[in-house]
Amino acid sequence: MIYNNIYLFQLNVGKFTCTQFQFAATTAQTTMNKAIQSMSASV
């Protein structure tokens, strides 16, 4: 029973980490796009 709880906990942490990573990647991509656009505009 305890083992089952640990497994579920790890599963939730894994999902949370994955979501955080996706959010960070999306944010970084948006920031990069803005930087590229501003660089293109200034050239």
Protein backbone atom coordinates (compact mmCIF):
# COMPACT_ATOMS: atom_id res chain seq x y z
CA MET A 1 0.00 0.00 0.00
CA ILE A 2 2.78 2.42 0.92
CA TYR A 3 4.66 1.44 -2.23
CA ASN A 4 1.57 2.23 -4.28
CA ASN A 5 1.37 5.71 -2.74
CA ILE A 6 5.02 6.38 -3.52
CA TYR A 7 4.46 5.31 -7.13
CA LEU A 8 1.48 7.65 -7.48
CA PHE A 9 3.48 10.46 -5.92
CA GLN A 10 6.33 9.96 -8.39
CA LEU A 11 3.83 9.88 -11.24
CA ASN A 12 2.35 13.22 -10.17
CA VAL A 13 5.77 14.79 -9.73
CA GLY A 14 6.71 13.58 -13.21
CA LYS A 15 3.60 15.16 -14.73
CA PHE A 16 4.22 18.39 -12.84
CA THR A 17 7.85 18.53 -13.99
CA CYS A 18 6.79 17.86 -17.57
CA THR A 19 4.23 20.68 -17.43
CA GLN A 20 6.78 23.05 -15.91
CA PHE A 21 9.27 22.15 -18.64
CA GLN A 22 6.72 22.72 -21.41
CA PHE A 23 5.78 26.07 -19.88
CA ALA A 24 9.44 27.11 -19.64
CA ALA A 25 10.11 26.01 -23.23
CA THR A 26 7.09 27.93 -24.52
CA THR A 27 8.10 31.05 -22.60
CA ALA A 28 11.68 30.83 -23.87
CA GLN A 29 10.46 30.37 -27.44
CA THR A 30 8.23 33.44 -27.20
CA THR A 31 11.07 35.50 -25.76
CA MET A 32 13.42 34.36 -28.52
CA ASN A 33 10.84 35.15 -31.20
CA LYS A 34 10.42 38.68 -29.83
CA ALA A 35 14.20 39.14 -29.74
CA ILE A 36 14.55 37.90 -33.32
CA GLN A 37 11.73 40.15 -34.52
CA SER A 38 13.24 43.21 -32.86
CA MET A 39 16.65 42.35 -34.34
CA SER A 40 15.11 41.97 -37.79
CA ALA A 41 13.30 45.27 -37.43
CA SER A 42 16.45 47.13 -36.44
CA VAL A 43 18.47 45.74 -39.37
